[in-house]
mmCIF file of all heavy atoms, coordinates in Angstrom:
data_MODEL
# 
_entry.id   MODEL 
# 
loop_
_atom_site.group_PDB 
_atom_site.id 
_atom_site.type_symbol 
_atom_site.label_atom_id 
_atom_site.label_alt_id 
_atom_site.label_comp_id 
_atom_site.label_asym_id 
_atom_site.label_entity_id 
_atom_site.label_seq_id 
_atom_site.pdbx_PDB_ins_code 
_atom_site.Cartn_x 
_atom_site.Cartn_y 
_atom_site.Cartn_z 
_atom_site.occupancy 
_atom_site.B_iso_or_equiv 
_atom_site.pdbx_formal_charge 
_atom_site.auth_seq_id 
_atom_site.auth_comp_id 
_atom_site.auth_asym_id 
_atom_site.auth_atom_id 
_atom_site.pdbx_PDB_model_num 
ATOM 1   N N   . ASP A 1 1  ? -74.344 101.101 70.276 1.00 0.00 ? 1  ASP A N   1 
ATOM 2   C CA  . ASP A 1 1  ? -75.429 102.032 69.948 1.00 0.00 ? 1  ASP A CA  1 
ATOM 3   C C   . ASP A 1 1  ? -74.922 103.465 69.775 1.00 0.00 ? 1  ASP A C   1 
ATOM 4   O O   . ASP A 1 1  ? -75.564 104.273 69.112 1.00 0.00 ? 1  ASP A O   1 
ATOM 5   C CB  . ASP A 1 1  ? -76.534 101.982 71.008 1.00 0.00 ? 1  ASP A CB  1 
ATOM 6   C CG  . ASP A 1 1  ? -76.005 102.196 72.407 1.00 0.00 ? 1  ASP A CG  1 
ATOM 7   O OD1 . ASP A 1 1  ? -75.428 101.249 72.977 1.00 0.00 ? 1  ASP A OD1 1 
ATOM 8   O OD2 . ASP A 1 1  ? -76.147 103.317 72.928 1.00 0.00 ? 1  ASP A OD2 1 
ATOM 9   N N   . ALA A 1 2  ? -73.766 103.779 70.343 1.00 0.00 ? 2  ALA A N   1 
ATOM 10  C CA  . ALA A 1 2  ? -73.186 105.117 70.166 1.00 0.00 ? 2  ALA A CA  1 
ATOM 11  C C   . ALA A 1 2  ? -72.737 105.339 68.722 1.00 0.00 ? 2  ALA A C   1 
ATOM 12  O O   . ALA A 1 2  ? -72.730 106.469 68.233 1.00 0.00 ? 2  ALA A O   1 
ATOM 13  C CB  . ALA A 1 2  ? -72.003 105.315 71.109 1.00 0.00 ? 2  ALA A CB  1 
ATOM 14  N N   . LEU A 1 3  ? -72.369 104.258 68.024 1.00 0.00 ? 3  LEU A N   1 
ATOM 15  C CA  . LEU A 1 3  ? -71.953 104.360 66.629 1.00 0.00 ? 3  LEU A CA  1 
ATOM 16  C C   . LEU A 1 3  ? -73.108 104.131 65.658 1.00 0.00 ? 3  LEU A C   1 
ATOM 17  O O   . LEU A 1 3  ? -73.098 104.665 64.556 1.00 0.00 ? 3  LEU A O   1 
ATOM 18  C CB  . LEU A 1 3  ? -70.874 103.314 66.312 1.00 0.00 ? 3  LEU A CB  1 
ATOM 19  C CG  . LEU A 1 3  ? -69.486 103.547 66.855 1.00 0.00 ? 3  LEU A CG  1 
ATOM 20  C CD1 . LEU A 1 3  ? -68.583 102.388 66.478 1.00 0.00 ? 3  LEU A CD1 1 
ATOM 21  C CD2 . LEU A 1 3  ? -68.916 104.846 66.356 1.00 0.00 ? 3  LEU A CD2 1 
ATOM 22  N N   . CYS A 1 4  ? -74.054 103.316 66.060 1.00 0.00 ? 4  CYS A N   1 
ATOM 23  C CA  . CYS A 1 4  ? -75.101 102.874 65.134 1.00 0.00 ? 4  CYS A CA  1 
ATOM 24  C C   . CYS A 1 4  ? -76.501 103.129 65.660 1.00 0.00 ? 4  CYS A C   1 
ATOM 25  O O   . CYS A 1 4  ? -77.297 102.198 65.824 1.00 0.00 ? 4  CYS A O   1 
ATOM 26  C CB  . CYS A 1 4  ? -74.920 101.394 64.828 1.00 0.00 ? 4  CYS A CB  1 
ATOM 27  S SG  . CYS A 1 4  ? -73.368 101.030 64.013 1.00 0.00 ? 4  CYS A SG  1 
ATOM 28  N N   . PRO A 1 5  ? -76.839 104.390 65.934 1.00 0.00 ? 5  PRO A N   1 
ATOM 29  C CA  . PRO A 1 5  ? -78.197 104.674 66.377 1.00 0.00 ? 5  PRO A CA  1 
ATOM 30  C C   . PRO A 1 5  ? -79.180 104.490 65.220 1.00 0.00 ? 5  PRO A C   1 
ATOM 31  O O   . PRO A 1 5  ? -78.791 104.531 64.050 1.00 0.00 ? 5  PRO A O   1 
ATOM 32  C CB  . PRO A 1 5  ? -78.128 106.142 66.804 1.00 0.00 ? 5  PRO A CB  1 
ATOM 33  C CG  . PRO A 1 5  ? -77.062 106.714 65.940 1.00 0.00 ? 5  PRO A CG  1 
ATOM 34  C CD  . PRO A 1 5  ? -76.042 105.603 65.783 1.00 0.00 ? 5  PRO A CD  1 
ATOM 35  N N   . ARG A 1 6  ? -80.410 104.279 65.581 1.00 0.00 ? 6  ARG A N   1 
ATOM 36  C CA  . ARG A 1 6  ? -81.476 104.140 64.578 1.00 0.00 ? 6  ARG A CA  1 
ATOM 37  C C   . ARG A 1 6  ? -81.465 105.367 63.673 1.00 0.00 ? 6  ARG A C   1 
ATOM 38  O O   . ARG A 1 6  ? -81.491 106.499 64.138 1.00 0.00 ? 6  ARG A O   1 
ATOM 39  C CB  . ARG A 1 6  ? -82.810 104.007 65.286 1.00 0.00 ? 6  ARG A CB  1 
ATOM 40  C CG  . ARG A 1 6  ? -83.993 103.774 64.368 1.00 0.00 ? 6  ARG A CG  1 
ATOM 41  C CD  . ARG A 1 6  ? -85.261 103.599 65.179 1.00 0.00 ? 6  ARG A CD  1 
ATOM 42  N NE  . ARG A 1 6  ? -85.204 102.421 66.032 1.00 0.00 ? 6  ARG A NE  1 
ATOM 43  C CZ  . ARG A 1 6  ? -85.550 101.190 65.645 1.00 0.00 ? 6  ARG A CZ  1 
ATOM 44  N NH1 . ARG A 1 6  ? -85.964 101.001 64.416 1.00 0.00 ? 6  ARG A NH1 1 
ATOM 45  N NH2 . ARG A 1 6  ? -85.472 100.181 66.490 1.00 0.00 ? 6  ARG A NH2 1 
ATOM 46  N N   . ARG A 1 7  ? -81.409 105.120 62.355 1.00 0.00 ? 7  ARG A N   1 
ATOM 47  C CA  . ARG A 1 7  ? -81.411 106.215 61.384 1.00 0.00 ? 7  ARG A CA  1 
ATOM 48  C C   . ARG A 1 7  ? -82.830 106.666 61.087 1.00 0.00 ? 7  ARG A C   1 
ATOM 49  O O   . ARG A 1 7  ? -83.782 105.947 61.325 1.00 0.00 ? 7  ARG A O   1 
ATOM 50  C CB  . ARG A 1 7  ? -80.733 105.782 60.089 1.00 0.00 ? 7  ARG A CB  1 
ATOM 51  C CG  . ARG A 1 7  ? -79.242 105.595 60.245 1.00 0.00 ? 7  ARG A CG  1 
ATOM 52  C CD  . ARG A 1 7  ? -78.629 105.075 58.987 1.00 0.00 ? 7  ARG A CD  1 
ATOM 53  N NE  . ARG A 1 7  ? -79.010 103.667 58.806 1.00 0.00 ? 7  ARG A NE  1 
ATOM 54  C CZ  . ARG A 1 7  ? -78.595 102.899 57.811 1.00 0.00 ? 7  ARG A CZ  1 
ATOM 55  N NH1 . ARG A 1 7  ? -77.799 103.398 56.892 1.00 0.00 ? 7  ARG A NH1 1 
ATOM 56  N NH2 . ARG A 1 7  ? -78.967 101.644 57.722 1.00 0.00 ? 7  ARG A NH2 1 
ATOM 57  N N   . GLY A 1 8  ? -82.939 107.851 60.545 1.00 0.00 ? 8  GLY A N   1 
ATOM 58  C CA  . GLY A 1 8  ? -84.238 108.417 60.195 1.00 0.00 ? 8  GLY A CA  1 
ATOM 59  C C   . GLY A 1 8  ? -84.463 109.662 61.020 1.00 0.00 ? 8  GLY A C   1 
ATOM 60  O O   . GLY A 1 8  ? -84.009 109.762 62.145 1.00 0.00 ? 8  GLY A O   1 
ATOM 61  N N   . GLY A 1 9  ? -85.121 110.590 60.440 1.00 0.00 ? 9  GLY A N   1 
ATOM 62  C CA  . GLY A 1 9  ? -85.360 111.832 61.158 1.00 0.00 ? 9  GLY A CA  1 
ATOM 63  C C   . GLY A 1 9  ? -84.445 112.915 60.635 1.00 0.00 ? 9  GLY A C   1 
ATOM 64  O O   . GLY A 1 9  ? -83.457 112.661 59.961 1.00 0.00 ? 9  GLY A O   1 
ATOM 65  N N   . PRO A 1 10 ? -84.784 114.136 60.952 1.00 0.00 ? 10 PRO A N   1 
ATOM 66  C CA  . PRO A 1 10 ? -84.016 115.274 60.434 1.00 0.00 ? 10 PRO A CA  1 
ATOM 67  C C   . PRO A 1 10 ? -82.655 115.430 61.118 1.00 0.00 ? 10 PRO A C   1 
ATOM 68  O O   . PRO A 1 10 ? -82.460 115.025 62.250 1.00 0.00 ? 10 PRO A O   1 
ATOM 69  C CB  . PRO A 1 10 ? -84.919 116.476 60.765 1.00 0.00 ? 10 PRO A CB  1 
ATOM 70  C CG  . PRO A 1 10 ? -85.717 116.025 61.962 1.00 0.00 ? 10 PRO A CG  1 
ATOM 71  C CD  . PRO A 1 10 ? -85.905 114.537 61.794 1.00 0.00 ? 10 PRO A CD  1 
ATOM 72  N N   . HIS A 1 11 ? -81.738 116.005 60.391 1.00 0.00 ? 11 HIS A N   1 
ATOM 73  C CA  . HIS A 1 11 ? -80.430 116.406 60.928 1.00 0.00 ? 11 HIS A CA  1 
ATOM 74  C C   . HIS A 1 11 ? -79.605 115.233 61.444 1.00 0.00 ? 11 HIS A C   1 
ATOM 75  O O   . HIS A 1 11 ? -78.917 115.345 62.450 1.00 0.00 ? 11 HIS A O   1 
ATOM 76  C CB  . HIS A 1 11 ? -80.594 117.460 62.036 1.00 0.00 ? 11 HIS A CB  1 
ATOM 77  C CG  . HIS A 1 11 ? -81.527 118.569 61.665 1.00 0.00 ? 11 HIS A CG  1 
ATOM 78  N ND1 . HIS A 1 11 ? -81.262 119.436 60.639 1.00 0.00 ? 11 HIS A ND1 1 
ATOM 79  C CD2 . HIS A 1 11 ? -82.723 118.923 62.174 1.00 0.00 ? 11 HIS A CD2 1 
ATOM 80  C CE1 . HIS A 1 11 ? -82.261 120.296 60.526 1.00 0.00 ? 11 HIS A CE1 1 
ATOM 81  N NE2 . HIS A 1 11 ? -83.160 120.010 61.440 1.00 0.00 ? 11 HIS A NE2 1 
ATOM 82  N N   . GLN A 1 12 ? -79.664 114.099 60.757 1.00 0.00 ? 12 GLN A N   1 
ATOM 83  C CA  . GLN A 1 12 ? -78.889 112.949 61.208 1.00 0.00 ? 12 GLN A CA  1 
ATOM 84  C C   . GLN A 1 12 ? -77.884 112.482 60.163 1.00 0.00 ? 12 GLN A C   1 
ATOM 85  O O   . GLN A 1 12 ? -77.454 111.345 60.195 1.00 0.00 ? 12 GLN A O   1 
ATOM 86  C CB  . GLN A 1 12 ? -79.803 111.797 61.597 1.00 0.00 ? 12 GLN A CB  1 
ATOM 87  C CG  . GLN A 1 12 ? -80.578 112.057 62.864 1.00 0.00 ? 12 GLN A CG  1 
ATOM 88  C CD  . GLN A 1 12 ? -81.231 110.791 63.391 1.00 0.00 ? 12 GLN A CD  1 
ATOM 89  O OE1 . GLN A 1 12 ? -81.382 109.814 62.689 1.00 0.00 ? 12 GLN A OE1 1 
ATOM 90  N NE2 . GLN A 1 12 ? -81.581 110.816 64.655 1.00 0.00 ? 12 GLN A NE2 1 
ATOM 91  N N   . ALA A 1 13 ? -77.512 113.354 59.252 1.00 0.00 ? 13 ALA A N   1 
ATOM 92  C CA  . ALA A 1 13 ? -76.577 112.964 58.196 1.00 0.00 ? 13 ALA A CA  1 
ATOM 93  C C   . ALA A 1 13 ? -75.263 112.429 58.745 1.00 0.00 ? 13 ALA A C   1 
ATOM 94  O O   . ALA A 1 13 ? -74.796 111.377 58.299 1.00 0.00 ? 13 ALA A O   1 
ATOM 95  C CB  . ALA A 1 13 ? -76.340 114.119 57.238 1.00 0.00 ? 13 ALA A CB  1 
ATOM 96  N N   . PRO A 1 14 ? -74.616 113.073 59.733 1.00 0.00 ? 14 PRO A N   1 
ATOM 97  C CA  . PRO A 1 14 ? -73.358 112.514 60.241 1.00 0.00 ? 14 PRO A CA  1 
ATOM 98  C C   . PRO A 1 14 ? -73.543 111.122 60.839 1.00 0.00 ? 14 PRO A C   1 
ATOM 99  O O   . PRO A 1 14 ? -72.740 110.226 60.584 1.00 0.00 ? 14 PRO A O   1 
ATOM 100 C CB  . PRO A 1 14 ? -72.920 113.513 61.317 1.00 0.00 ? 14 PRO A CB  1 
ATOM 101 C CG  . PRO A 1 14 ? -73.592 114.787 60.953 1.00 0.00 ? 14 PRO A CG  1 
ATOM 102 C CD  . PRO A 1 14 ? -74.902 114.380 60.330 1.00 0.00 ? 14 PRO A CD  1 
ATOM 103 N N   . GLU A 1 15 ? -74.604 110.925 61.604 1.00 0.00 ? 15 GLU A N   1 
ATOM 104 C CA  . GLU A 1 15 ? -74.853 109.613 62.201 1.00 0.00 ? 15 GLU A CA  1 
ATOM 105 C C   . GLU A 1 15 ? -75.108 108.574 61.116 1.00 0.00 ? 15 GLU A C   1 
ATOM 106 O O   . GLU A 1 15 ? -74.637 107.445 61.209 1.00 0.00 ? 15 GLU A O   1 
ATOM 107 C CB  . GLU A 1 15 ? -76.041 109.656 63.169 1.00 0.00 ? 15 GLU A CB  1 
ATOM 108 C CG  . GLU A 1 15 ? -75.761 110.430 64.442 1.00 0.00 ? 15 GLU A CG  1 
ATOM 109 C CD  . GLU A 1 15 ? -76.021 111.927 64.314 1.00 0.00 ? 15 GLU A CD  1 
ATOM 110 O OE1 . GLU A 1 15 ? -76.345 112.402 63.209 1.00 0.00 ? 15 GLU A OE1 1 
ATOM 111 O OE2 . GLU A 1 15 ? -75.881 112.627 65.324 1.00 0.00 ? 15 GLU A OE2 1 
ATOM 112 N N   . SER A 1 16 ? -75.844 108.951 60.073 1.00 0.00 ? 16 SER A N   1 
ATOM 113 C CA  . SER A 1 16 ? -76.131 108.021 58.981 1.00 0.00 ? 16 SER A CA  1 
ATOM 114 C C   . SER A 1 16 ? -74.858 107.593 58.264 1.00 0.00 ? 16 SER A C   1 
ATOM 115 O O   . SER A 1 16 ? -74.724 106.433 57.880 1.00 0.00 ? 16 SER A O   1 
ATOM 116 C CB  . SER A 1 16 ? -77.102 108.647 57.982 1.00 0.00 ? 16 SER A CB  1 
ATOM 117 O OG  . SER A 1 16 ? -78.371 108.786 58.566 1.00 0.00 ? 16 SER A OG  1 
ATOM 118 N N   . ARG A 1 17 ? -73.916 108.518 58.102 1.00 0.00 ? 17 ARG A N   1 
ATOM 119 C CA  . ARG A 1 17 ? -72.641 108.166 57.456 1.00 0.00 ? 17 ARG A CA  1 
ATOM 120 C C   . ARG A 1 17 ? -71.858 107.184 58.312 1.00 0.00 ? 17 ARG A C   1 
ATOM 121 O O   . ARG A 1 17 ? -71.243 106.247 57.799 1.00 0.00 ? 17 ARG A O   1 
ATOM 122 C CB  . ARG A 1 17 ? -71.815 109.420 57.174 1.00 0.00 ? 17 ARG A CB  1 
ATOM 123 C CG  . ARG A 1 17 ? -72.352 110.258 56.026 1.00 0.00 ? 17 ARG A CG  1 
ATOM 124 C CD  . ARG A 1 17 ? -71.349 111.302 55.566 1.00 0.00 ? 17 ARG A CD  1 
ATOM 125 N NE  . ARG A 1 17 ? -70.875 112.153 56.636 1.00 0.00 ? 17 ARG A NE  1 
ATOM 126 C CZ  . ARG A 1 17 ? -71.432 113.304 57.001 1.00 0.00 ? 17 ARG A CZ  1 
ATOM 127 N NH1 . ARG A 1 17 ? -72.508 113.738 56.373 1.00 0.00 ? 17 ARG A NH1 1 
ATOM 128 N NH2 . ARG A 1 17 ? -70.927 114.025 57.975 1.00 0.00 ? 17 ARG A NH2 1 
ATOM 129 N N   . VAL A 1 18 ? -71.873 107.378 59.620 1.00 0.00 ? 18 VAL A N   1 
ATOM 130 C CA  . VAL A 1 18 ? -71.155 106.463 60.521 1.00 0.00 ? 18 VAL A CA  1 
ATOM 131 C C   . VAL A 1 18 ? -71.801 105.085 60.484 1.00 0.00 ? 18 VAL A C   1 
ATOM 132 O O   . VAL A 1 18 ? -71.111 104.064 60.376 1.00 0.00 ? 18 VAL A O   1 
ATOM 133 C CB  . VAL A 1 18 ? -71.102 107.015 61.962 1.00 0.00 ? 18 VAL A CB  1 
ATOM 134 C CG1 . VAL A 1 18 ? -70.501 105.996 62.908 1.00 0.00 ? 18 VAL A CG1 1 
ATOM 135 C CG2 . VAL A 1 18 ? -70.322 108.321 62.007 1.00 0.00 ? 18 VAL A CG2 1 
ATOM 136 N N   . VAL A 1 19 ? -73.125 105.031 60.552 1.00 0.00 ? 19 VAL A N   1 
ATOM 137 C CA  . VAL A 1 19 ? -73.829 103.742 60.488 1.00 0.00 ? 19 VAL A CA  1 
ATOM 138 C C   . VAL A 1 19 ? -73.490 103.050 59.173 1.00 0.00 ? 19 VAL A C   1 
ATOM 139 O O   . VAL A 1 19 ? -73.155 101.860 59.162 1.00 0.00 ? 19 VAL A O   1 
ATOM 140 C CB  . VAL A 1 19 ? -75.357 103.920 60.642 1.00 0.00 ? 19 VAL A CB  1 
ATOM 141 C CG1 . VAL A 1 19 ? -76.079 102.599 60.413 1.00 0.00 ? 19 VAL A CG1 1 
ATOM 142 C CG2 . VAL A 1 19 ? -75.707 104.471 62.017 1.00 0.00 ? 19 VAL A CG2 1 
ATOM 143 N N   . ALA A 1 20 ? -73.558 103.770 58.071 1.00 0.00 ? 20 ALA A N   1 
ATOM 144 C CA  . ALA A 1 20 ? -73.236 103.187 56.764 1.00 0.00 ? 20 ALA A CA  1 
ATOM 145 C C   . ALA A 1 20 ? -71.809 102.658 56.736 1.00 0.00 ? 20 ALA A C   1 
ATOM 146 O O   . ALA A 1 20 ? -71.551 101.575 56.189 1.00 0.00 ? 20 ALA A O   1 
ATOM 147 C CB  . ALA A 1 20 ? -73.443 104.227 55.660 1.00 0.00 ? 20 ALA A CB  1 
ATOM 148 N N   . GLN A 1 21 ? -70.873 103.381 57.341 1.00 0.00 ? 21 GLN A N   1 
ATOM 149 C CA  . GLN A 1 21 ? -69.475 102.933 57.380 1.00 0.00 ? 21 GLN A CA  1 
ATOM 150 C C   . GLN A 1 21 ? -69.342 101.640 58.179 1.00 0.00 ? 21 GLN A C   1 
ATOM 151 O O   . GLN A 1 21 ? -68.685 100.697 57.742 1.00 0.00 ? 21 GLN A O   1 
ATOM 152 C CB  . GLN A 1 21 ? -68.588 104.015 57.994 1.00 0.00 ? 21 GLN A CB  1 
ATOM 153 C CG  . GLN A 1 21 ? -67.118 103.637 58.064 1.00 0.00 ? 21 GLN A CG  1 
ATOM 154 C CD  . GLN A 1 21 ? -66.495 103.565 56.690 1.00 0.00 ? 21 GLN A CD  1 
ATOM 155 O OE1 . GLN A 1 21 ? -66.172 104.568 56.103 1.00 0.00 ? 21 GLN A OE1 1 
ATOM 156 N NE2 . GLN A 1 21 ? -66.341 102.370 56.166 1.00 0.00 ? 21 GLN A NE2 1 
ATOM 157 N N   . VAL A 1 22 ? -69.979 101.579 59.336 1.00 0.00 ? 22 VAL A N   1 
ATOM 158 C CA  . VAL A 1 22 ? -69.920 100.362 60.165 1.00 0.00 ? 22 VAL A CA  1 
ATOM 159 C C   . VAL A 1 22 ? -70.534 99.183  59.410 1.00 0.00 ? 22 VAL A C   1 
ATOM 160 O O   . VAL A 1 22 ? -69.959 98.084  59.384 1.00 0.00 ? 22 VAL A O   1 
ATOM 161 C CB  . VAL A 1 22 ? -70.610 100.577 61.528 1.00 0.00 ? 22 VAL A CB  1 
ATOM 162 C CG1 . VAL A 1 22 ? -70.738 99.260  62.287 1.00 0.00 ? 22 VAL A CG1 1 
ATOM 163 C CG2 . VAL A 1 22 ? -69.853 101.603 62.364 1.00 0.00 ? 22 VAL A CG2 1 
ATOM 164 N N   . LEU A 1 23 ? -71.680 99.394  58.776 1.00 0.00 ? 23 LEU A N   1 
ATOM 165 C CA  . LEU A 1 23 ? -72.336 98.311  58.039 1.00 0.00 ? 23 LEU A CA  1 
ATOM 166 C C   . LEU A 1 23 ? -71.460 97.810  56.900 1.00 0.00 ? 23 LEU A C   1 
ATOM 167 O O   . LEU A 1 23 ? -71.331 96.600  56.686 1.00 0.00 ? 23 LEU A O   1 
ATOM 168 C CB  . LEU A 1 23 ? -73.691 98.784  57.503 1.00 0.00 ? 23 LEU A CB  1 
ATOM 169 C CG  . LEU A 1 23 ? -74.735 99.132  58.554 1.00 0.00 ? 23 LEU A CG  1 
ATOM 170 C CD1 . LEU A 1 23 ? -75.980 99.718  57.896 1.00 0.00 ? 23 LEU A CD1 1 
ATOM 171 C CD2 . LEU A 1 23 ? -75.081 97.939  59.420 1.00 0.00 ? 23 LEU A CD2 1 
ATOM 172 N N   . THR A 1 24 ? -70.831 98.719  56.176 1.00 0.00 ? 24 THR A N   1 
ATOM 173 C CA  . THR A 1 24 ? -69.934 98.332  55.081 1.00 0.00 ? 24 THR A CA  1 
ATOM 174 C C   . THR A 1 24 ? -68.761 97.506  55.600 1.00 0.00 ? 24 THR A C   1 
ATOM 175 O O   . THR A 1 24 ? -68.400 96.479  55.022 1.00 0.00 ? 24 THR A O   1 
ATOM 176 C CB  . THR A 1 24 ? -69.413 99.591  54.355 1.00 0.00 ? 24 THR A CB  1 
ATOM 177 O OG1 . THR A 1 24 ? -70.527 100.282 53.802 1.00 0.00 ? 24 THR A OG1 1 
ATOM 178 C CG2 . THR A 1 24 ? -68.427 99.236  53.260 1.00 0.00 ? 24 THR A CG2 1 
# 
């Protein structure tokens, strides 16, 4: 969960990139 927190909401661009990387 430290790498892949639920996306959505303001100011989460870095987290979204990490989640996208893990999913890929």
